[in-house]
N, C-alpha and C. Protein backbone atom coordinates (compact mmCIF):
# COMPACT_ATOMS: atom_id res chain seq x y z
N MET A 1 160.46 -213.22 -116.43
CA MET A 1 160.04 -214.48 -116.01
C MET A 1 158.53 -214.88 -116.06
N VAL A 2 158.06 -213.60 -115.11
CA VAL A 2 156.43 -213.84 -114.85
C VAL A 2 155.81 -213.72 -116.18
N GLU A 3 156.49 -212.64 -117.30
CA GLU A 3 155.94 -212.52 -118.38
C GLU A 3 155.87 -214.03 -119.23
N GLN A 4 157.00 -214.39 -119.10
CA GLN A 4 157.32 -215.83 -120.05
C GLN A 4 156.50 -216.98 -119.63
N VAL A 5 156.18 -216.89 -118.16
CA VAL A 5 155.31 -217.78 -117.53
C VAL A 5 153.54 -217.31 -118.05
N ALA A 6 153.37 -216.31 -117.71
CA ALA A 6 151.79 -215.96 -118.25
C ALA A 6 151.70 -216.22 -119.71
N ALA A 7 152.72 -215.74 -120.80
CA ALA A 7 152.72 -216.02 -122.09
C ALA A 7 152.65 -217.61 -122.35
N GLU A 8 153.19 -218.32 -121.69
CA GLU A 8 153.26 -219.85 -121.75
C GLU A 8 151.91 -220.40 -121.42
N GLU A 9 151.23 -219.74 -120.56
CA GLU A 9 149.74 -219.95 -120.12
C GLU A 9 148.68 -219.29 -121.05
N GLY A 10 149.16 -218.64 -122.04
CA GLY A 10 148.24 -218.06 -122.89
C GLY A 10 147.63 -216.81 -122.14
N LYS A 11 147.89 -216.22 -121.22
CA LYS A 11 147.47 -215.18 -120.56
C LYS A 11 148.18 -213.81 -120.64
N ALA A 12 147.87 -212.80 -120.97
CA ALA A 12 148.44 -212.06 -120.97
C ALA A 12 148.73 -211.01 -119.85
N ARG A 13 149.84 -210.50 -119.52
CA ARG A 13 150.24 -209.97 -118.11
C ARG A 13 149.61 -208.32 -118.34
N VAL A 14 148.81 -208.31 -117.20
CA VAL A 14 148.04 -206.74 -116.95
C VAL A 14 149.17 -206.01 -116.46
N ARG A 15 149.51 -204.69 -117.14
CA ARG A 15 150.45 -203.51 -116.58
C ARG A 15 149.40 -202.77 -115.53
N ARG A 16 149.93 -202.66 -114.28
CA ARG A 16 149.37 -201.57 -113.64
C ARG A 16 149.74 -200.50 -113.69
N THR A 17 148.99 -199.37 -113.74
CA THR A 17 149.23 -198.15 -114.02
C THR A 17 148.65 -197.33 -112.88
N VAL A 18 149.23 -196.04 -112.56
CA VAL A 18 148.53 -195.24 -111.42
C VAL A 18 147.36 -194.69 -112.22
N ARG A 19 147.29 -194.11 -112.98
CA ARG A 19 146.19 -193.44 -113.88
C ARG A 19 144.95 -194.48 -113.81
N GLU A 20 145.05 -195.78 -113.96
CA GLU A 20 143.92 -196.77 -114.19
C GLU A 20 143.56 -197.56 -112.64
N HIS A 21 144.93 -197.65 -111.87
CA HIS A 21 144.63 -198.62 -110.67
C HIS A 21 145.00 -197.54 -109.42
N GLY A 22 145.32 -196.75 -109.50
CA GLY A 22 145.80 -195.95 -108.46
C GLY A 22 147.29 -196.24 -107.78
N PRO A 23 147.71 -195.33 -107.10
CA PRO A 23 149.31 -195.70 -106.40
C PRO A 23 149.19 -197.01 -106.01
N ASP A 24 150.17 -197.77 -106.14
CA ASP A 24 150.69 -199.12 -105.51
C ASP A 24 150.75 -198.67 -103.92
N PRO A 25 149.87 -199.80 -103.19
CA PRO A 25 149.92 -199.38 -101.66
C PRO A 25 151.61 -199.45 -100.96
N ILE A 26 152.39 -200.13 -101.58
CA ILE A 26 153.90 -200.15 -101.19
C ILE A 26 154.31 -198.79 -101.46
N ASP A 27 154.26 -198.00 -102.57
CA ASP A 27 154.76 -196.67 -102.76
C ASP A 27 154.33 -195.65 -101.75
N VAL A 28 153.06 -195.83 -101.55
CA VAL A 28 152.22 -194.93 -100.92
C VAL A 28 152.61 -194.87 -99.57
N HIS A 29 153.14 -196.21 -98.93
CA HIS A 29 153.49 -196.72 -97.52
C HIS A 29 155.07 -195.86 -97.68
N VAL A 30 155.95 -196.21 -98.53
CA VAL A 30 157.11 -195.87 -98.50
C VAL A 30 157.01 -194.24 -98.67
N GLY A 31 156.21 -193.75 -99.29
CA GLY A 31 156.32 -192.14 -99.41
C GLY A 31 155.86 -191.57 -98.31
N LYS A 32 155.15 -192.18 -97.36
CA LYS A 32 154.51 -191.85 -96.00
C LYS A 32 155.77 -191.94 -95.13
N ARG A 33 156.29 -193.02 -95.10
CA ARG A 33 157.37 -193.16 -94.35
C ARG A 33 158.93 -192.10 -94.50
N LEU A 34 158.85 -191.89 -95.80
CA LEU A 34 159.75 -190.66 -96.54
C LEU A 34 159.39 -189.35 -95.85
N ARG A 35 158.04 -189.07 -95.69
CA ARG A 35 157.62 -187.66 -95.12
C ARG A 35 157.98 -187.48 -93.80
N GLN A 36 157.56 -188.67 -93.18
CA GLN A 36 158.00 -188.85 -91.75
C GLN A 36 159.25 -188.57 -90.99
N ALA A 37 160.31 -189.47 -92.06
CA ALA A 37 161.48 -189.43 -91.83
C ALA A 37 162.22 -187.89 -92.14
N ARG A 38 161.71 -187.27 -93.24
CA ARG A 38 161.73 -185.75 -93.39
C ARG A 38 161.57 -185.06 -92.25
N LEU A 39 160.23 -185.04 -92.00
CA LEU A 39 160.12 -184.07 -91.12
C LEU A 39 160.76 -184.16 -89.56
N LEU A 40 161.04 -185.54 -89.24
CA LEU A 40 161.69 -185.84 -88.15
C LEU A 40 163.18 -185.10 -88.04
N ALA A 41 163.68 -185.06 -89.48
CA ALA A 41 164.93 -184.71 -89.58
C ALA A 41 164.86 -183.06 -89.65
N GLY A 42 163.90 -182.26 -89.75
CA GLY A 42 163.38 -180.95 -89.85
C GLY A 42 163.87 -180.39 -91.12
N LEU A 43 163.88 -181.30 -92.19
CA LEU A 43 163.78 -180.75 -93.89
C LEU A 43 162.69 -180.44 -94.09
N SER A 44 162.91 -179.51 -95.11
CA SER A 44 161.89 -179.05 -96.17
C SER A 44 161.81 -180.08 -97.27
N GLN A 45 160.75 -179.98 -98.28
CA GLN A 45 160.68 -180.76 -99.36
C GLN A 45 161.84 -180.35 -100.18
N GLU A 46 162.01 -179.00 -100.45
CA GLU A 46 163.06 -178.46 -101.01
C GLU A 46 164.54 -179.22 -100.51
N GLU A 47 164.76 -178.87 -99.39
CA GLU A 47 165.89 -179.67 -98.92
C GLU A 47 166.34 -180.95 -99.37
N LEU A 48 165.43 -182.01 -99.10
CA LEU A 48 165.23 -183.18 -99.12
C LEU A 48 165.61 -183.30 -100.83
N GLY A 49 164.95 -182.61 -101.68
CA GLY A 49 165.12 -183.14 -103.09
C GLY A 49 166.40 -182.41 -103.37
N ALA A 50 166.88 -181.50 -103.03
CA ALA A 50 168.48 -181.04 -103.24
C ALA A 50 169.65 -181.94 -102.88
N GLY A 51 169.22 -182.66 -101.90
CA GLY A 51 170.12 -183.87 -101.45
C GLY A 51 169.96 -185.00 -101.79
N ILE A 52 168.92 -185.17 -102.75
CA ILE A 52 168.54 -186.43 -103.51
C ILE A 52 168.77 -186.36 -104.87
N GLY A 53 168.83 -185.12 -105.47
CA GLY A 53 168.81 -184.75 -106.95
C GLY A 53 167.61 -184.28 -107.46
N VAL A 54 166.41 -184.01 -106.98
CA VAL A 54 165.35 -184.05 -107.83
C VAL A 54 164.79 -182.83 -107.23
N SER A 55 163.79 -182.09 -107.83
CA SER A 55 162.92 -180.90 -107.35
C SER A 55 161.66 -181.22 -106.09
N PHE A 56 161.57 -180.25 -105.45
CA PHE A 56 160.81 -180.54 -104.46
C PHE A 56 159.44 -180.97 -104.87
N GLN A 57 159.07 -180.95 -106.36
CA GLN A 57 157.54 -181.39 -106.83
C GLN A 57 157.89 -182.78 -106.86
N ALA A 58 158.90 -183.20 -107.18
CA ALA A 58 159.14 -184.70 -107.27
C ALA A 58 159.38 -185.28 -105.86
N VAL A 59 159.70 -184.58 -104.81
CA VAL A 59 159.56 -184.88 -103.64
C VAL A 59 158.17 -185.35 -103.17
N GLN A 60 157.34 -184.14 -103.24
CA GLN A 60 155.68 -184.46 -103.12
C GLN A 60 155.17 -185.45 -103.82
N LYS A 61 155.36 -185.59 -105.01
CA LYS A 61 155.05 -186.99 -105.87
C LYS A 61 155.51 -188.29 -104.93
N TYR A 62 156.70 -188.52 -104.62
CA TYR A 62 157.11 -189.59 -104.02
C TYR A 62 156.47 -189.57 -102.49
N GLU A 63 156.12 -188.61 -101.71
CA GLU A 63 155.70 -188.45 -100.58
C GLU A 63 154.08 -189.17 -100.57
N GLN A 64 153.37 -188.75 -101.87
CA GLN A 64 151.89 -189.00 -101.90
C GLN A 64 151.88 -190.45 -102.69
N GLY A 65 153.07 -190.94 -102.86
CA GLY A 65 153.10 -192.55 -103.78
C GLY A 65 152.69 -192.27 -104.94
N GLU A 66 152.56 -191.18 -105.94
CA GLU A 66 152.50 -190.94 -107.04
C GLU A 66 153.35 -191.56 -108.03
N ASN A 67 155.00 -191.13 -107.54
CA ASN A 67 155.93 -191.69 -108.39
C ASN A 67 156.55 -192.67 -107.38
N ARG A 68 157.34 -193.54 -108.01
CA ARG A 68 158.12 -194.58 -107.54
C ARG A 68 159.42 -194.05 -107.06
N LEU A 69 160.30 -194.13 -105.91
CA LEU A 69 161.71 -194.02 -105.81
C LEU A 69 162.40 -194.87 -106.35
N SER A 70 163.51 -194.69 -106.94
CA SER A 70 164.22 -195.67 -107.57
C SER A 70 165.25 -195.90 -106.35
N ALA A 71 165.76 -197.47 -106.23
CA ALA A 71 166.40 -197.93 -105.15
C ALA A 71 167.78 -196.90 -104.98
N SER A 72 168.49 -196.01 -106.16
CA SER A 72 169.43 -195.37 -105.99
C SER A 72 168.97 -193.95 -105.01
N ARG A 73 167.89 -193.73 -105.60
CA ARG A 73 167.38 -192.10 -104.80
C ARG A 73 166.79 -192.59 -103.16
N LEU A 74 166.10 -193.87 -103.10
CA LEU A 74 165.86 -193.98 -101.67
C LEU A 74 167.13 -194.48 -101.03
N PHE A 75 167.94 -194.99 -101.38
CA PHE A 75 169.35 -195.04 -100.91
C PHE A 75 169.72 -193.91 -100.36
N ARG A 76 170.03 -192.68 -101.10
CA ARG A 76 170.58 -191.46 -100.99
C ARG A 76 169.78 -190.63 -99.81
N ALA A 77 168.29 -190.89 -99.95
CA ALA A 77 167.43 -190.43 -98.75
C ALA A 77 167.42 -190.92 -97.43
N ALA A 78 167.51 -192.29 -97.51
CA ALA A 78 167.91 -192.97 -96.42
C ALA A 78 169.38 -192.39 -95.38
N ARG A 79 170.19 -192.29 -96.05
CA ARG A 79 171.41 -191.78 -95.95
C ARG A 79 171.37 -190.13 -95.39
N LEU A 80 170.57 -189.49 -96.01
CA LEU A 80 170.32 -188.22 -95.82
C LEU A 80 169.73 -188.05 -94.61
N LEU A 81 168.64 -188.86 -94.39
CA LEU A 81 167.60 -188.79 -93.28
C LEU A 81 168.27 -189.50 -92.03
N ASP A 82 169.36 -190.33 -92.40
CA ASP A 82 169.84 -190.87 -91.23
C ASP A 82 169.00 -192.14 -91.06
N ARG A 83 168.44 -192.85 -91.75
CA ARG A 83 167.46 -193.73 -91.59
C ARG A 83 168.09 -195.25 -92.39
N PRO A 84 167.97 -196.41 -92.01
CA PRO A 84 168.09 -197.41 -92.40
C PRO A 84 167.32 -197.64 -93.55
N VAL A 85 167.66 -198.11 -94.82
CA VAL A 85 166.60 -198.47 -95.96
C VAL A 85 165.52 -199.16 -95.65
N ALA A 86 165.53 -200.19 -94.77
CA ALA A 86 164.24 -200.86 -93.96
C ALA A 86 163.48 -200.25 -93.38
N PHE A 87 163.73 -199.08 -92.95
CA PHE A 87 162.80 -198.23 -92.14
C PHE A 87 161.68 -197.57 -93.41
N PHE A 88 162.16 -197.54 -94.48
CA PHE A 88 160.66 -197.19 -95.58
C PHE A 88 160.00 -198.44 -95.49
N PHE A 89 160.29 -199.47 -95.51
CA PHE A 89 159.43 -200.62 -95.70
C PHE A 89 159.13 -201.16 -94.47
N SER A 90 159.11 -200.87 -93.07
CA SER A 90 158.76 -201.43 -91.99
C SER A 90 157.81 -201.22 -91.80
N GLU A 91 156.58 -202.14 -91.12
CA GLU A 91 155.29 -201.92 -90.79
C GLU A 91 154.28 -201.75 -92.08
N LEU A 92 154.78 -202.65 -93.29
CA LEU A 92 154.04 -202.95 -94.20
C LEU A 92 152.87 -203.58 -93.70
N GLU A 93 151.62 -203.51 -94.62
CA GLU A 93 150.35 -204.52 -94.41
C GLU A 93 151.23 -206.13 -93.67
N GLY A 94 150.23 -206.41 -92.50
CA GLY A 94 150.63 -207.82 -92.09
C GLY A 94 151.63 -207.71 -90.85
N GLU A 95 152.52 -206.49 -90.85
CA GLU A 95 153.63 -206.38 -89.76
C GLU A 95 153.13 -205.66 -88.37
N VAL A 96 152.21 -204.95 -88.59
CA VAL A 96 151.42 -204.16 -87.50
C VAL A 96 150.05 -204.52 -87.01
N PRO A 97 150.10 -204.86 -85.89
CA PRO A 97 148.99 -205.13 -85.04
C PRO A 97 147.56 -204.21 -85.50
N SER A 98 146.57 -204.92 -85.94
CA SER A 98 145.50 -203.88 -86.32
C SER A 98 145.26 -203.05 -85.31
N GLY A 99 144.58 -202.04 -85.83
CA GLY A 99 144.29 -200.65 -84.81
C GLY A 99 145.50 -199.86 -84.16
N THR A 100 146.66 -200.15 -84.71
CA THR A 100 147.99 -199.31 -84.23
C THR A 100 148.37 -198.46 -85.54
N SER A 101 148.35 -197.12 -85.08
CA SER A 101 148.55 -196.40 -86.37
C SER A 101 150.08 -196.12 -86.13
N THR A 102 150.86 -196.09 -87.25
CA THR A 102 152.19 -195.60 -87.29
C THR A 102 151.97 -194.05 -88.03
N VAL A 103 151.26 -193.68 -88.47
CA VAL A 103 151.28 -192.41 -88.99
C VAL A 103 151.37 -191.39 -87.89
N PHE A 104 152.05 -190.55 -88.20
CA PHE A 104 151.97 -189.56 -86.88
C PHE A 104 151.72 -188.08 -87.32
N SER A 105 150.79 -187.27 -86.63
CA SER A 105 150.32 -186.10 -87.15
C SER A 105 151.77 -185.12 -86.94
N ARG A 106 151.57 -183.87 -87.64
CA ARG A 106 152.75 -183.03 -87.62
C ARG A 106 153.24 -182.53 -86.21
N ASP A 107 152.01 -182.19 -85.44
CA ASP A 107 152.44 -181.85 -84.05
C ASP A 107 153.25 -182.94 -83.25
N GLU A 108 152.77 -184.38 -83.57
CA GLU A 108 153.70 -185.28 -82.73
C GLU A 108 155.22 -185.34 -83.29
N ILE A 109 155.44 -184.94 -84.81
CA ILE A 109 156.67 -185.16 -85.29
C ILE A 109 157.26 -184.01 -84.68
N GLU A 110 156.76 -182.74 -84.48
CA GLU A 110 157.57 -181.67 -83.94
C GLU A 110 157.68 -181.77 -82.57
N LEU A 111 157.09 -182.54 -81.74
CA LEU A 111 157.14 -182.77 -80.04
C LEU A 111 158.39 -183.46 -80.09
N VAL A 112 158.69 -184.58 -81.09
CA VAL A 112 159.68 -185.64 -81.09
C VAL A 112 160.79 -185.03 -81.33
N ARG A 113 160.78 -184.23 -82.57
CA ARG A 113 161.88 -183.32 -83.16
C ARG A 113 162.64 -182.23 -81.98
N HIS A 114 161.82 -181.75 -81.60
CA HIS A 114 162.12 -180.54 -80.38
C HIS A 114 162.58 -181.54 -79.18
N PHE A 115 162.03 -182.60 -78.80
CA PHE A 115 162.41 -183.28 -77.57
C PHE A 115 163.93 -183.65 -77.93
N ARG A 116 164.19 -184.15 -78.97
CA ARG A 116 165.69 -184.77 -79.10
C ARG A 116 166.39 -183.66 -79.10
N LEU A 117 166.15 -182.35 -79.18
CA LEU A 117 167.04 -181.17 -79.23
C LEU A 117 167.51 -180.57 -77.84
N ILE A 118 166.82 -181.24 -76.93
CA ILE A 118 167.01 -180.92 -75.63
C ILE A 118 168.24 -181.65 -75.03
N ALA A 119 169.36 -180.96 -74.76
CA ALA A 119 170.80 -181.44 -74.60
C ALA A 119 170.67 -182.21 -73.11
N SER A 120 170.09 -181.82 -72.11
CA SER A 120 170.20 -182.12 -70.71
C SER A 120 168.93 -183.44 -70.56
N ASP A 121 169.90 -184.71 -70.10
CA ASP A 121 169.18 -185.71 -69.88
C ASP A 121 168.07 -185.41 -68.96
N GLU A 122 168.52 -184.95 -67.69
CA GLU A 122 167.81 -184.47 -66.42
C GLU A 122 166.17 -183.72 -67.14
N VAL A 123 166.66 -182.67 -67.96
CA VAL A 123 165.35 -182.01 -68.42
C VAL A 123 164.38 -182.91 -69.24
N ARG A 124 164.95 -183.87 -70.21
CA ARG A 124 164.18 -184.77 -71.06
C ARG A 124 163.45 -185.66 -70.14
N GLU A 125 164.04 -186.19 -69.18
CA GLU A 125 163.15 -187.09 -68.15
C GLU A 125 162.34 -186.38 -67.46
N HIS A 126 162.22 -185.10 -66.87
CA HIS A 126 161.28 -184.19 -66.38
C HIS A 126 160.05 -184.25 -67.29
N LEU A 127 160.49 -183.94 -68.70
CA LEU A 127 159.42 -183.30 -69.35
C LEU A 127 158.79 -184.72 -69.77
N LEU A 128 159.27 -185.79 -70.04
CA LEU A 128 158.65 -187.06 -70.18
C LEU A 128 157.58 -187.59 -69.08
N GLN A 129 158.28 -187.07 -67.79
CA GLN A 129 157.49 -187.67 -66.59
C GLN A 129 156.16 -186.57 -66.76
N VAL A 130 156.38 -185.23 -66.81
CA VAL A 130 155.06 -184.55 -67.02
C VAL A 130 154.31 -185.02 -68.02
N ALA A 131 154.58 -185.28 -69.18
CA ALA A 131 153.79 -185.89 -70.22
C ALA A 131 153.06 -186.86 -69.83
N LYS A 132 153.60 -188.09 -69.15
CA LYS A 132 152.74 -189.34 -68.76
C LYS A 132 151.85 -188.68 -67.81
N ARG A 133 152.26 -188.18 -66.81
CA ARG A 133 151.05 -187.64 -65.73
C ARG A 133 150.02 -186.85 -66.51
N ILE A 134 150.07 -185.97 -67.46
CA ILE A 134 149.42 -185.39 -67.94
C ILE A 134 148.16 -186.25 -68.59
N SER A 135 148.79 -187.21 -69.42
CA SER A 135 148.13 -188.09 -69.96
C SER A 135 147.07 -189.19 -69.19
N GLU A 136 147.80 -189.63 -67.63
CA GLU A 136 147.18 -190.15 -66.95
C GLU A 136 145.88 -189.64 -66.38
N VAL A 137 146.17 -188.28 -65.83
CA VAL A 137 144.92 -187.44 -65.56
C VAL A 137 143.81 -187.46 -66.54
N GLU A 138 144.11 -187.19 -67.61
CA GLU A 138 143.06 -186.90 -68.65
C GLU A 138 142.49 -188.63 -68.85
N GLY A 139 143.29 -189.30 -68.70
CA GLY A 139 142.46 -190.50 -69.06
C GLY A 139 141.59 -191.22 -67.72
N GLU A 140 142.23 -190.63 -66.46
CA GLU A 140 141.20 -190.73 -65.43
C GLU A 140 139.95 -190.01 -65.24
N ALA A 141 140.14 -188.64 -66.06
CA ALA A 141 138.90 -187.92 -66.15
C ALA A 141 137.76 -188.47 -67.32
N SER A 142 138.67 -188.90 -68.62
CA SER A 142 137.78 -189.48 -69.41
C SER A 142 136.93 -190.68 -68.64
N ALA A 143 137.56 -191.57 -67.86
CA ALA A 143 137.00 -192.64 -67.16
C ALA A 143 135.64 -192.20 -66.33
N LEU A 144 135.90 -190.81 -65.55
CA LEU A 144 135.05 -190.62 -65.03
C LEU A 144 133.91 -190.13 -65.49
N ASN A 145 134.10 -189.23 -66.55
CA ASN A 145 132.90 -188.83 -67.12
C ASN A 145 132.07 -189.81 -67.94
N GLU A 146 132.89 -190.83 -68.59
CA GLU A 146 132.20 -192.14 -69.07
C GLU A 146 131.00 -192.79 -68.02
N LEU A 147 131.43 -192.70 -66.81
CA LEU A 147 130.74 -193.40 -65.52
C LEU A 147 129.75 -192.36 -65.22
N ARG A 148 129.80 -191.02 -65.47
CA ARG A 148 128.79 -190.07 -65.08
C ARG A 148 127.65 -189.99 -66.32
N LYS A 149 127.79 -190.56 -67.53
CA LYS A 149 126.92 -190.20 -68.61
C LYS A 149 125.22 -191.02 -67.99
N PRO A 150 124.16 -190.14 -68.01
CA PRO A 150 123.18 -190.51 -67.92
C PRO A 150 122.41 -191.54 -68.98
N GLY A 151 121.68 -192.93 -68.61
CA GLY A 151 120.91 -193.21 -69.58
C GLY A 151 121.81 -194.21 -70.56
N ASP A 152 122.87 -194.60 -70.34
CA ASP A 152 123.76 -195.43 -70.82
C ASP A 152 123.42 -196.87 -70.59
């Protein structure tokens, strides 16, 4: 229909290619979310690839946004990674307040993954309180250092 409308207006539809225009920003976003979900699940690229019927190289290309995931593969990946399909599209441009990063470092993902493996609710709560206190103390130390800087 878009091609038909463009043809009626006398304009040729320009085909977007990765080689000429780079990866589509949506494909890049879906790839980042795929990587995030895979790491949180503790799977390697090989394991994810085997689970959705592709090579680990194809998973690498999906995660980098170089190749697009078909609807059926995205659905299989979502089921394997125990995520809703919408997870891969959430927080697209316009949905996240500026300055808020949703891309997690490998350390952050490892921390969450190991935290989830702790069976005891009590131990998890204590660990959470320790992490909160450390961040409060570091925040207070940073504020004091800013106050002590000469010549500002």
